[in-house]
Each structure stands twice: as C-alpha cells, then as structure tokens.
Amino acid sequence: MYLVNIYSKAKEGHMEVIEYFKAREFACKDGTDRIQISPVLLEILYQIRLHFNAPVIITSGYRTESYNKKVGGARESKHVKGIAADIVVKGVSPSKVAAYADLLMPDKGGIGEYRTFVHVDVRHEKSRWRGN
C-alpha cells in the first residue's frame, strides 16, 4: 500500500502541493477531477528541481485505469496508483536526470530513462530500465 493524497482538480488544482508544483500538473489528461499524488514522489521531484535549478515539467502524472489503458500504459502502472510521474527537466538530458534520481533512490523506486523524458516512481522495490 502506498500513501497518496487526493485532490480535486476543480477545487484544488491551483494549489501548490510542494514548492514549484501545483496539483493540476499531476492531473490525468482525460479531464478527470480526481488527482492522486504521493508525498514521497513530490519530495523526489522537489529534490530534482533544486539540484538542477531548472523547471521540472510533468508530462504524465496520475492516470485513471481507462486512460492508462488508452495510452498503452503498463498493466500494473504506478501512474494509476498516484506514485509515478514522467518528467522533463528543462535544459537537462534524460540521462543526467535519471542518474540523479538514482542517487536519490539507490535501493528502491522505479526509474525509466527514455529518449525525451524520465519516468520516476516511488515503488518499494528497485527497478531500472531504458525505453524508446
């Protein structure tokens, strides 16, 4: 079980959930009001933001099961649980972002390095991969 906070996009989307990040940035792209975000994930993203001193863009945060299926997400996607985000750090290569995320979570968490973004999740076990 993972601890996640629940937000309403309509009521709390404008709210800063941690410095530099608003709840709406994690909203599912299907327009669903509900947003689930892990506070542990927020802390990792905050540390990445501070380290690179550059904006962290959330390209995919929380996903409903139906939206995850529609976009071809993994069957056990951590996005559906609210514990994952795909990110781009402005002006920083995915390989550098992934390497720093690995320093933050050396023995746990999922880090997927892709050509244009990095997947970061706060699963209990360690998983690393490279995608297209």
N, C-alpha and C. Protein backbone atom coordinates (compact mmCIF):
# COMPACT_ATOMS: atom_id res chain seq x y z
N MET A 1 0.84 -1.19 0.00
CA MET A 1 0.00 0.00 0.00
C MET A 1 0.89 1.25 0.00
N TYR A 2 0.45 2.24 -0.73
CA TYR A 2 1.22 3.48 -0.83
C TYR A 2 0.38 4.64 -0.31
N LEU A 3 1.02 5.54 0.38
CA LEU A 3 0.34 6.74 0.86
C LEU A 3 0.22 7.73 -0.30
N VAL A 4 -1.00 8.16 -0.57
CA VAL A 4 -1.23 9.19 -1.58
C VAL A 4 -2.22 10.20 -1.03
N ASN A 5 -2.08 11.43 -1.46
CA ASN A 5 -3.04 12.46 -1.14
C ASN A 5 -3.97 12.61 -2.34
N ILE A 6 -5.24 12.88 -2.05
CA ILE A 6 -6.26 13.03 -3.09
C ILE A 6 -6.63 14.51 -3.20
N TYR A 7 -6.68 15.00 -4.43
CA TYR A 7 -7.03 16.40 -4.70
C TYR A 7 -8.13 16.46 -5.75
N SER A 8 -8.87 17.54 -5.72
CA SER A 8 -9.85 17.83 -6.75
C SER A 8 -9.25 18.85 -7.70
N LYS A 9 -9.22 18.53 -8.97
CA LYS A 9 -8.67 19.46 -9.96
C LYS A 9 -9.43 20.78 -9.94
N ALA A 10 -10.76 20.68 -9.85
CA ALA A 10 -11.60 21.89 -9.86
C ALA A 10 -11.39 22.75 -8.61
N LYS A 11 -11.31 22.11 -7.46
CA LYS A 11 -11.23 22.86 -6.20
C LYS A 11 -9.81 23.18 -5.76
N GLU A 12 -8.87 22.26 -6.06
CA GLU A 12 -7.51 22.41 -5.53
C GLU A 12 -6.42 22.39 -6.59
N GLY A 13 -6.81 22.39 -7.86
CA GLY A 13 -5.83 22.30 -8.94
C GLY A 13 -4.80 23.40 -8.93
N HIS A 14 -5.20 24.59 -8.50
CA HIS A 14 -4.29 25.75 -8.45
C HIS A 14 -3.34 25.70 -7.24
N MET A 15 -3.64 24.81 -6.30
CA MET A 15 -2.89 24.75 -5.05
C MET A 15 -1.49 24.18 -5.24
N GLU A 16 -0.53 24.80 -4.57
CA GLU A 16 0.83 24.28 -4.59
C GLU A 16 0.89 23.10 -3.62
N VAL A 17 1.25 21.91 -4.13
CA VAL A 17 1.31 20.72 -3.28
C VAL A 17 2.69 20.57 -2.63
N ILE A 18 3.66 21.19 -3.22
CA ILE A 18 5.00 21.37 -2.68
C ILE A 18 5.59 22.50 -3.50
N GLU A 19 6.58 23.18 -2.98
CA GLU A 19 7.14 24.32 -3.71
C GLU A 19 7.48 23.92 -5.14
N TYR A 20 7.11 24.77 -6.09
CA TYR A 20 7.33 24.61 -7.54
C TYR A 20 6.29 23.73 -8.25
N PHE A 21 5.42 23.03 -7.54
CA PHE A 21 4.48 22.11 -8.17
C PHE A 21 3.04 22.35 -7.73
N LYS A 22 2.14 22.45 -8.70
CA LYS A 22 0.71 22.59 -8.42
C LYS A 22 0.00 21.26 -8.68
N ALA A 23 -1.08 21.04 -7.96
CA ALA A 23 -1.82 19.77 -8.09
C ALA A 23 -2.21 19.49 -9.54
N ARG A 24 -2.66 20.51 -10.26
CA ARG A 24 -3.15 20.30 -11.64
C ARG A 24 -2.09 19.74 -12.58
N GLU A 25 -0.82 19.96 -12.26
CA GLU A 25 0.25 19.43 -13.11
C GLU A 25 0.26 17.90 -13.14
N PHE A 26 -0.35 17.27 -12.12
CA PHE A 26 -0.37 15.82 -12.00
C PHE A 26 -1.69 15.22 -12.48
N ALA A 27 -2.63 16.06 -12.92
CA ALA A 27 -3.97 15.60 -13.31
C ALA A 27 -3.91 14.70 -14.53
N CYS A 28 -4.83 13.74 -14.56
CA CYS A 28 -4.95 12.84 -15.71
C CYS A 28 -5.39 13.65 -16.92
N LYS A 29 -4.83 13.31 -18.06
CA LYS A 29 -5.12 14.03 -19.30
C LYS A 29 -6.53 13.77 -19.84
N ASP A 30 -7.29 12.86 -19.20
CA ASP A 30 -8.66 12.60 -19.65
C ASP A 30 -9.68 13.56 -19.06
N GLY A 31 -9.21 14.51 -18.23
CA GLY A 31 -10.11 15.52 -17.67
C GLY A 31 -10.73 15.14 -16.34
N THR A 32 -10.42 13.97 -15.82
CA THR A 32 -10.94 13.53 -14.52
C THR A 32 -10.62 14.55 -13.44
N ASP A 33 -11.55 14.78 -12.52
CA ASP A 33 -11.35 15.74 -11.43
C ASP A 33 -10.37 15.22 -10.38
N ARG A 34 -10.43 13.93 -10.09
CA ARG A 34 -9.61 13.34 -9.03
C ARG A 34 -8.14 13.31 -9.44
N ILE A 35 -7.28 13.71 -8.49
CA ILE A 35 -5.83 13.65 -8.68
C ILE A 35 -5.25 12.94 -7.47
N GLN A 36 -4.43 11.93 -7.69
CA GLN A 36 -3.74 11.23 -6.60
C GLN A 36 -2.25 11.51 -6.74
N ILE A 37 -1.63 11.93 -5.62
CA ILE A 37 -0.19 12.22 -5.65
C ILE A 37 0.46 11.73 -4.36
N SER A 38 1.52 10.99 -4.52
CA SER A 38 2.30 10.52 -3.38
C SER A 38 3.17 11.66 -2.85
N PRO A 39 3.13 11.92 -1.53
CA PRO A 39 4.01 12.93 -0.97
C PRO A 39 5.49 12.56 -1.11
N VAL A 40 5.78 11.26 -1.14
CA VAL A 40 7.17 10.81 -1.31
C VAL A 40 7.64 11.16 -2.73
N LEU A 41 6.78 10.96 -3.72
CA LEU A 41 7.10 11.34 -5.09
C LEU A 41 7.34 12.85 -5.18
N LEU A 42 6.49 13.62 -4.53
CA LEU A 42 6.65 15.08 -4.55
C LEU A 42 8.02 15.49 -4.02
N GLU A 43 8.45 14.84 -2.96
CA GLU A 43 9.76 15.16 -2.37
C GLU A 43 10.89 14.84 -3.33
N ILE A 44 10.80 13.72 -4.04
CA ILE A 44 11.84 13.36 -5.03
C ILE A 44 11.88 14.41 -6.15
N LEU A 45 10.71 14.78 -6.66
CA LEU A 45 10.64 15.77 -7.74
C LEU A 45 11.16 17.12 -7.28
N TYR A 46 10.87 17.48 -6.04
CA TYR A 46 11.36 18.72 -5.46
C TYR A 46 12.89 18.71 -5.40
N GLN A 47 13.46 17.59 -4.96
CA GLN A 47 14.93 17.48 -4.90
C GLN A 47 15.55 17.58 -6.29
N ILE A 48 14.92 17.00 -7.28
CA ILE A 48 15.40 17.10 -8.66
C ILE A 48 15.35 18.56 -9.12
N ARG A 49 14.27 19.24 -8.82
CA ARG A 49 14.11 20.67 -9.18
C ARG A 49 15.22 21.51 -8.56
N LEU A 50 15.50 21.27 -7.27
CA LEU A 50 16.55 22.04 -6.59
C LEU A 50 17.93 21.73 -7.15
N HIS A 51 18.20 20.45 -7.38
CA HIS A 51 19.52 20.04 -7.85
C HIS A 51 19.88 20.67 -9.19
N PHE A 52 18.94 20.64 -10.13
CA PHE A 52 19.23 21.16 -11.47
C PHE A 52 18.89 22.65 -11.60
N ASN A 53 18.23 23.21 -10.58
CA ASN A 53 17.83 24.62 -10.61
C ASN A 53 17.14 24.96 -11.94
N ALA A 54 16.22 24.08 -12.32
CA ALA A 54 15.51 24.23 -13.59
C ALA A 54 14.09 23.67 -13.43
N PRO A 55 13.15 24.21 -14.20
CA PRO A 55 11.77 23.71 -14.13
C PRO A 55 11.67 22.22 -14.46
N VAL A 56 10.83 21.54 -13.69
CA VAL A 56 10.53 20.13 -13.93
C VAL A 56 9.11 20.09 -14.50
N ILE A 57 8.99 19.63 -15.72
CA ILE A 57 7.69 19.57 -16.39
C ILE A 57 7.13 18.16 -16.24
N ILE A 58 5.92 18.06 -15.71
CA ILE A 58 5.25 16.76 -15.55
C ILE A 58 4.51 16.48 -16.86
N THR A 59 5.00 15.52 -17.64
CA THR A 59 4.32 15.20 -18.89
C THR A 59 3.22 14.18 -18.68
N SER A 60 3.31 13.40 -17.61
CA SER A 60 2.26 12.46 -17.24
C SER A 60 2.37 12.18 -15.75
N GLY A 61 1.28 12.43 -15.02
CA GLY A 61 1.26 12.15 -13.59
C GLY A 61 0.26 11.05 -13.31
N TYR A 62 -0.76 11.39 -12.53
CA TYR A 62 -1.81 10.42 -12.21
C TYR A 62 -2.58 10.06 -13.48
N ARG A 63 -2.94 8.77 -13.59
CA ARG A 63 -3.77 8.30 -14.71
C ARG A 63 -4.90 7.44 -14.17
N THR A 64 -6.08 7.62 -14.72
CA THR A 64 -7.16 6.68 -14.42
C THR A 64 -6.83 5.38 -15.13
N GLU A 65 -7.45 4.29 -14.68
CA GLU A 65 -7.20 3.00 -15.33
C GLU A 65 -7.58 3.03 -16.80
N SER A 66 -8.73 3.66 -17.11
CA SER A 66 -9.17 3.70 -18.51
C SER A 66 -8.21 4.52 -19.38
N TYR A 67 -7.72 5.63 -18.86
CA TYR A 67 -6.79 6.44 -19.64
C TYR A 67 -5.45 5.71 -19.80
N ASN A 68 -5.01 5.06 -18.74
CA ASN A 68 -3.75 4.31 -18.82
C ASN A 68 -3.84 3.24 -19.90
N LYS A 69 -4.97 2.56 -19.97
CA LYS A 69 -5.19 1.53 -20.99
C LYS A 69 -5.18 2.16 -22.38
N LYS A 70 -5.85 3.31 -22.51
CA LYS A 70 -5.94 4.01 -23.79
C LYS A 70 -4.56 4.41 -24.34
N VAL A 71 -3.66 4.83 -23.45
CA VAL A 71 -2.33 5.27 -23.90
C VAL A 71 -1.31 4.13 -23.93
N GLY A 72 -1.77 2.90 -23.66
CA GLY A 72 -0.86 1.76 -23.73
C GLY A 72 0.06 1.65 -22.55
N GLY A 73 -0.36 2.17 -21.39
CA GLY A 73 0.46 2.08 -20.18
C GLY A 73 0.56 0.65 -19.68
N ALA A 74 1.52 0.41 -18.83
CA ALA A 74 1.73 -0.92 -18.25
C ALA A 74 0.50 -1.36 -17.46
N ARG A 75 0.24 -2.65 -17.44
CA ARG A 75 -0.92 -3.20 -16.75
C ARG A 75 -0.89 -2.85 -15.25
N GLU A 76 0.27 -2.87 -14.66
CA GLU A 76 0.43 -2.52 -13.23
C GLU A 76 1.06 -1.13 -13.10
N SER A 77 0.67 -0.21 -13.94
CA SER A 77 1.26 1.13 -13.97
C SER A 77 1.23 1.83 -12.61
N LYS A 78 2.34 2.38 -12.24
CA LYS A 78 2.43 3.15 -10.99
C LYS A 78 1.73 4.50 -11.13
N HIS A 79 1.49 4.95 -12.35
CA HIS A 79 0.74 6.20 -12.57
C HIS A 79 -0.69 6.06 -12.02
N VAL A 80 -1.28 4.88 -12.18
CA VAL A 80 -2.65 4.62 -11.72
C VAL A 80 -2.73 4.70 -10.19
N LYS A 81 -1.65 4.37 -9.53
CA LYS A 81 -1.61 4.42 -8.07
C LYS A 81 -1.30 5.82 -7.53
N GLY A 82 -0.88 6.73 -8.42
CA GLY A 82 -0.52 8.08 -7.99
C GLY A 82 0.89 8.20 -7.44
N ILE A 83 1.74 7.22 -7.79
CA ILE A 83 3.10 7.23 -7.25
C ILE A 83 4.16 7.39 -8.34
N ALA A 84 3.74 7.86 -9.53
CA ALA A 84 4.69 7.99 -10.65
C ALA A 84 4.45 9.28 -11.42
N ALA A 85 5.53 9.73 -12.05
CA ALA A 85 5.44 10.88 -12.96
C ALA A 85 6.48 10.71 -14.05
N ASP A 86 6.09 11.09 -15.26
CA ASP A 86 7.05 11.20 -16.36
C ASP A 86 7.43 12.67 -16.40
N ILE A 87 8.73 12.93 -16.43
CA ILE A 87 9.20 14.31 -16.30
C ILE A 87 10.22 14.68 -17.36
N VAL A 88 10.29 15.98 -17.61
CA VAL A 88 11.34 16.58 -18.43
C VAL A 88 11.90 17.72 -17.58
N VAL A 89 13.21 17.78 -17.45
CA VAL A 89 13.84 18.89 -16.75
C VAL A 89 14.41 19.80 -17.82
N LYS A 90 13.91 21.01 -17.84
CA LYS A 90 14.27 21.97 -18.89
C LYS A 90 15.79 22.15 -18.98
N GLY A 91 16.32 21.84 -20.18
CA GLY A 91 17.75 22.02 -20.44
C GLY A 91 18.66 20.92 -19.93
N VAL A 92 18.08 19.82 -19.42
CA VAL A 92 18.89 18.73 -18.86
C VAL A 92 18.54 17.43 -19.59
N SER A 93 19.55 16.66 -19.94
CA SER A 93 19.32 15.41 -20.66
C SER A 93 18.64 14.38 -19.76
N PRO A 94 17.81 13.52 -20.35
CA PRO A 94 17.20 12.45 -19.57
C PRO A 94 18.23 11.58 -18.83
N SER A 95 19.38 11.35 -19.45
CA SER A 95 20.38 10.51 -18.78
C SER A 95 20.89 11.15 -17.49
N LYS A 96 21.06 12.47 -17.48
CA LYS A 96 21.50 13.16 -16.26
C LYS A 96 20.41 13.16 -15.20
N VAL A 97 19.16 13.33 -15.63
CA VAL A 97 18.04 13.31 -14.69
C VAL A 97 17.91 11.92 -14.06
N ALA A 98 17.99 10.89 -14.88
CA ALA A 98 17.88 9.51 -14.39
C ALA A 98 19.02 9.19 -13.42
N ALA A 99 20.23 9.62 -13.74
CA ALA A 99 21.38 9.36 -12.88
C ALA A 99 21.19 10.04 -11.52
N TYR A 100 20.67 11.26 -11.51
CA TYR A 100 20.46 11.95 -10.24
C TYR A 100 19.32 11.29 -9.45
N ALA A 101 18.26 10.90 -10.12
CA ALA A 101 17.15 10.21 -9.44
C ALA A 101 17.66 8.92 -8.80
N ASP A 102 18.59 8.25 -9.46
CA ASP A 102 19.17 7.02 -8.91
C ASP A 102 19.96 7.32 -7.63
N LEU A 103 20.61 8.46 -7.56
CA LEU A 103 21.31 8.85 -6.33
C LEU A 103 20.32 9.09 -5.19
N LEU A 104 19.15 9.63 -5.53
CA LEU A 104 18.13 9.90 -4.51
C LEU A 104 17.46 8.62 -4.02
N MET A 105 17.37 7.62 -4.89
CA MET A 105 16.69 6.35 -4.55
C MET A 105 17.57 5.17 -4.93
N PRO A 106 18.71 5.00 -4.27
CA PRO A 106 19.65 3.95 -4.70
C PRO A 106 19.14 2.52 -4.53
N ASP A 107 18.26 2.29 -3.57
CA ASP A 107 17.83 0.93 -3.26
C ASP A 107 16.35 0.67 -3.50
N LYS A 108 15.66 1.63 -4.10
CA LYS A 108 14.21 1.47 -4.30
C LYS A 108 13.77 2.37 -5.44
N GLY A 109 12.50 2.35 -5.75
CA GLY A 109 11.94 3.24 -6.76
C GLY A 109 12.19 2.77 -8.18
N GLY A 110 11.31 3.22 -9.07
CA GLY A 110 11.45 2.91 -10.48
C GLY A 110 11.95 4.11 -11.25
N ILE A 111 12.94 3.89 -12.10
CA ILE A 111 13.48 4.96 -12.94
C ILE A 111 13.61 4.41 -14.36
N GLY A 112 12.85 5.01 -15.25
CA GLY A 112 12.92 4.62 -16.66
C GLY A 112 13.46 5.78 -17.47
N GLU A 113 14.56 5.54 -18.14
CA GLU A 113 15.18 6.58 -18.97
C GLU A 113 14.74 6.39 -20.42
N TYR A 114 14.10 7.40 -20.94
CA TYR A 114 13.62 7.39 -22.33
C TYR A 114 14.35 8.48 -23.11
N ARG A 115 14.17 8.49 -24.40
CA ARG A 115 14.85 9.46 -25.26
C ARG A 115 14.52 10.90 -24.89
N THR A 116 13.26 11.18 -24.54
CA THR A 116 12.83 12.57 -24.32
C THR A 116 12.33 12.86 -22.91
N PHE A 117 12.26 11.85 -22.05
CA PHE A 117 11.76 12.07 -20.68
C PHE A 117 12.28 10.98 -19.76
N VAL A 118 11.99 11.16 -18.46
CA VAL A 118 12.35 10.17 -17.45
C VAL A 118 11.09 9.81 -16.66
N HIS A 119 10.87 8.53 -16.48
CA HIS A 119 9.80 8.04 -15.60
C HIS A 119 10.40 7.88 -14.21
N VAL A 120 9.73 8.44 -13.21
CA VAL A 120 10.16 8.30 -11.82
C VAL A 120 8.97 7.80 -11.01
N ASP A 121 9.18 6.72 -10.25
CA ASP A 121 8.13 6.28 -9.33
C ASP A 121 8.74 5.86 -8.01
N VAL A 122 7.89 5.81 -7.00
CA VAL A 122 8.38 5.54 -5.65
C VAL A 122 7.91 4.18 -5.12
N ARG A 123 7.95 3.17 -6.00
CA ARG A 123 7.65 1.80 -5.59
C ARG A 123 8.64 1.38 -4.50
N HIS A 124 8.29 0.36 -3.75
CA HIS A 124 9.13 -0.06 -2.63
C HIS A 124 10.40 -0.79 -3.07
N GLU A 125 10.32 -1.49 -4.20
CA GLU A 125 11.49 -2.22 -4.69
C GLU A 125 12.22 -1.37 -5.73
N LYS A 126 13.41 -1.82 -6.11
CA LYS A 126 14.22 -1.10 -7.10
C LYS A 126 13.97 -1.66 -8.50
N SER A 127 13.77 -0.75 -9.47
CA SER A 127 13.62 -1.15 -10.86
C SER A 127 14.22 -0.07 -11.74
N ARG A 128 15.03 -0.48 -12.71
CA ARG A 128 15.65 0.47 -13.65
C ARG A 128 15.50 -0.07 -15.06
N TRP A 129 15.23 0.81 -16.03
CA TRP A 129 15.10 0.38 -17.42
C TRP A 129 15.33 1.54 -18.37
N ARG A 130 15.55 1.19 -19.62
CA ARG A 130 15.65 2.16 -20.71
C ARG A 130 14.58 1.87 -21.73
N GLY A 131 13.93 2.91 -22.19
CA GLY A 131 12.88 2.75 -23.18
C GLY A 131 13.22 3.53 -24.44
N ASN A 132 12.27 3.66 -25.33
CA ASN A 132 12.49 4.37 -26.59
C ASN A 132 12.32 5.87 -26.42
